Amino acid sequence: MLFEYVHAALRQAKYEILPDDGSYYGEIPECKGVYANTETLESCREELREVLEEWILFRIHKNLPLPVIDQISLQIKEVA
């Protein structure tokens, strides 16, 4: 389920070339604070994936909700 969630989120990513330095900027609008800025599109995609994974783990660690993406809902369940 986590793998599918990450891939669904990455499909929502928006990329642009910044006019001031020609670097690539990518973000996932549904995941506030998940963005990357690098010199190539490929490295931007890779960095964005890494940032997303860390963002998910942080939110799970802090017991914060995750947005539903493409009808995929990750919910934190307490273990008894």
C-alpha atoms as a PDB file:
ATOM      1  CA  MET A   1       0.000   0.000   0.000  1.00  0.00           C
ATOM      2  CA  LEU A   2       2.827   2.436   0.823  1.00  0.00           C
ATOM      3  CA  PHE A   3       4.470   1.787  -2.549  1.00  0.00           C
ATOM      4  CA  GLU A   4       1.207   2.559  -4.361  1.00  0.00           C
ATOM      5  CA  TYR A   5       0.709   5.713  -2.280  1.00  0.00           C
ATOM      6  CA  VAL A   6       4.182   7.034  -3.141  1.00  0.00           C
ATOM      7  CA  HIS A   7       3.686   6.353  -6.851  1.00  0.00           C
ATOM      8  CA  ALA A   8       0.237   7.949  -6.841  1.00  0.00           C
ATOM      9  CA  ALA A   9       1.642  11.043  -5.136  1.00  0.00           C
ATOM     10  CA  LEU A  10       4.520  11.269  -7.625  1.00  0.00           C
ATOM     11  CA  ARG A  11       2.018  11.147 -10.493  1.00  0.00           C
ATOM     12  CA  GLN A  12       0.513  14.347  -9.017  1.00  0.00           C
ATOM     13  CA  ALA A  13       3.882  16.147  -9.119  1.00  0.00           C
ATOM     14  CA  LYS A  14       4.201  19.420 -11.003  1.00  0.00           C
ATOM     15  CA  TYR A  15       7.522  20.451 -12.522  1.00  0.00           C
ATOM     16  CA  GLU A  16       8.826  23.678 -13.970  1.00  0.00           C
ATOM     17  CA  ILE A  17      12.092  25.173 -15.157  1.00  0.00           C
ATOM     18  CA  LEU A  18      12.975  28.237 -13.119  1.00  0.00           C
ATOM     19  CA  PRO A  19      13.760  31.214 -15.353  1.00  0.00           C
ATOM     20  CA  ASP A  20      16.429  32.760 -13.132  1.00  0.00           C
ATOM     21  CA  ASP A  21      18.901  29.848 -13.186  1.00  0.00           C
ATOM     22  CA  GLY A  22      17.365  27.163 -15.431  1.00  0.00           C
ATOM     23  CA  SER A  23      17.096  24.645 -12.593  1.00  0.00           C
ATOM     24  CA  TYR A  24      14.151  22.301 -12.202  1.00  0.00           C
ATOM     25  CA  TYR A  25      11.585  22.764  -9.453  1.00  0.00           C
ATOM     26  CA  GLY A  26       9.098  20.041  -8.566  1.00  0.00           C
ATOM     27  CA  GLU A  27       6.368  19.841  -5.963  1.00  0.00           C
ATOM     28  CA  ILE A  28       3.437  17.673  -4.958  1.00  0.00           C
ATOM     29  CA  PRO A  29       0.622  20.143  -4.205  1.00  0.00           C
ATOM     30  CA  GLU A  30      -1.388  17.649  -2.127  1.00  0.00           C
ATOM     31  CA  CYS A  31       1.596  17.140   0.204  1.00  0.00           C
ATOM     32  CA  LYS A  32       2.362  20.525   1.719  1.00  0.00           C
ATOM     33  CA  GLY A  33       6.094  21.146   1.971  1.00  0.00           C
ATOM     34  CA  VAL A  34       7.141  18.386  -0.429  1.00  0.00           C
ATOM     35  CA  TYR A  35       9.321  20.013  -3.075  1.00  0.00           C
ATOM     36  CA  ALA A  36      12.712  19.695  -4.756  1.00  0.00           C
ATOM     37  CA  ASN A  37      14.984  21.963  -6.774  1.00  0.00           C
ATOM     38  CA  THR A  38      17.931  20.548  -8.740  1.00  0.00           C
ATOM     39  CA  GLU A  39      19.808  21.009 -12.004  1.00  0.00           C
ATOM     40  CA  THR A  40      18.209  18.202 -14.044  1.00  0.00           C
ATOM     41  CA  LEU A  41      14.679  16.884 -14.359  1.00  0.00           C
ATOM     42  CA  GLU A  42      15.790  13.343 -13.506  1.00  0.00           C
ATOM     43  CA  SER A  43      17.555  14.423 -10.311  1.00  0.00           C
ATOM     44  CA  CYS A  44      14.570  16.600  -9.397  1.00  0.00           C
ATOM     45  CA  ARG A  45      12.251  13.599  -9.676  1.00  0.00           C
ATOM     46  CA  GLU A  46      14.589  11.468  -7.548  1.00  0.00           C
ATOM     47  CA  GLU A  47      14.987  14.141  -4.877  1.00  0.00           C
ATOM     48  CA  LEU A  48      11.229  14.725  -4.830  1.00  0.00           C
ATOM     49  CA  ARG A  49      10.668  11.003  -4.210  1.00  0.00           C
ATOM     50  CA  GLU A  50      13.162  11.047  -1.328  1.00  0.00           C
ATOM     51  CA  VAL A  51      11.567  14.148   0.209  1.00  0.00           C
ATOM     52  CA  LEU A  52       8.127  12.541  -0.124  1.00  0.00           C
ATOM     53  CA  GLU A  53       9.262   9.347   1.624  1.00  0.00           C
ATOM     54  CA  GLU A  54      10.793  11.331   4.496  1.00  0.00           C
ATOM     55  CA  TRP A  55       7.660  13.500   4.729  1.00  0.00           C
ATOM     56  CA  ILE A  56       5.455  10.383   4.986  1.00  0.00           C
ATOM     57  CA  LEU A  57       7.664   8.834   7.687  1.00  0.00           C
ATOM     58  CA  PHE A  58       7.732  12.098   9.653  1.00  0.00           C
ATOM     59  CA  ARG A  59       3.939  12.415   9.550  1.00  0.00           C
ATOM     60  CA  ILE A  60       3.533   8.805  10.643  1.00  0.00           C
ATOM     61  CA  HIS A  61       6.038   9.315  13.470  1.00  0.00           C
ATOM     62  CA  LYS A  62       4.164  12.423  14.660  1.00  0.00           C
ATOM     63  CA  ASN A  63       0.772  10.735  14.186  1.00  0.00           C
ATOM     64  CA  LEU A  64      -0.298  13.380  11.655  1.00  0.00           C
ATOM     65  CA  PRO A  65      -2.857  12.669   8.940  1.00  0.00           C
ATOM     66  CA  LEU A  66      -1.808  11.992   5.371  1.00  0.00           C
ATOM     67  CA  PRO A  67      -3.853  13.267   2.431  1.00  0.00           C
ATOM     68  CA  VAL A  68      -5.877  10.812   0.374  1.00  0.00           C
ATOM     69  CA  ILE A  69      -4.250  10.555  -3.050  1.00  0.00           C
ATOM     70  CA  ASP A  70      -5.947   8.821  -5.981  1.00  0.00           C
ATOM     71  CA  GLN A  71      -8.368   7.243  -3.493  1.00  0.00           C
ATOM     72  CA  ILE A  72      -5.463   5.747  -1.525  1.00  0.00           C
ATOM     73  CA  SER A  73      -5.725   6.462   2.161  1.00  0.00           C
ATOM     74  CA  LEU A  74      -2.893   5.671   4.552  1.00  0.00           C
ATOM     75  CA  GLN A  75      -4.151   5.626   8.100  1.00  0.00           C
ATOM     76  CA  ILE A  76      -2.143   5.189  11.263  1.00  0.00           C
ATOM     77  CA  LYS A  77      -3.509   2.432  13.455  1.00  0.00           C
ATOM     78  CA  GLU A  78      -2.494   1.980  17.032  1.00  0.00           C
ATOM     79  CA  VAL A  79      -1.084  -1.406  17.937  1.00  0.00           C
ATOM     80  CA  ALA A  80      -2.501  -2.831  21.134  1.00  0.00           C
END
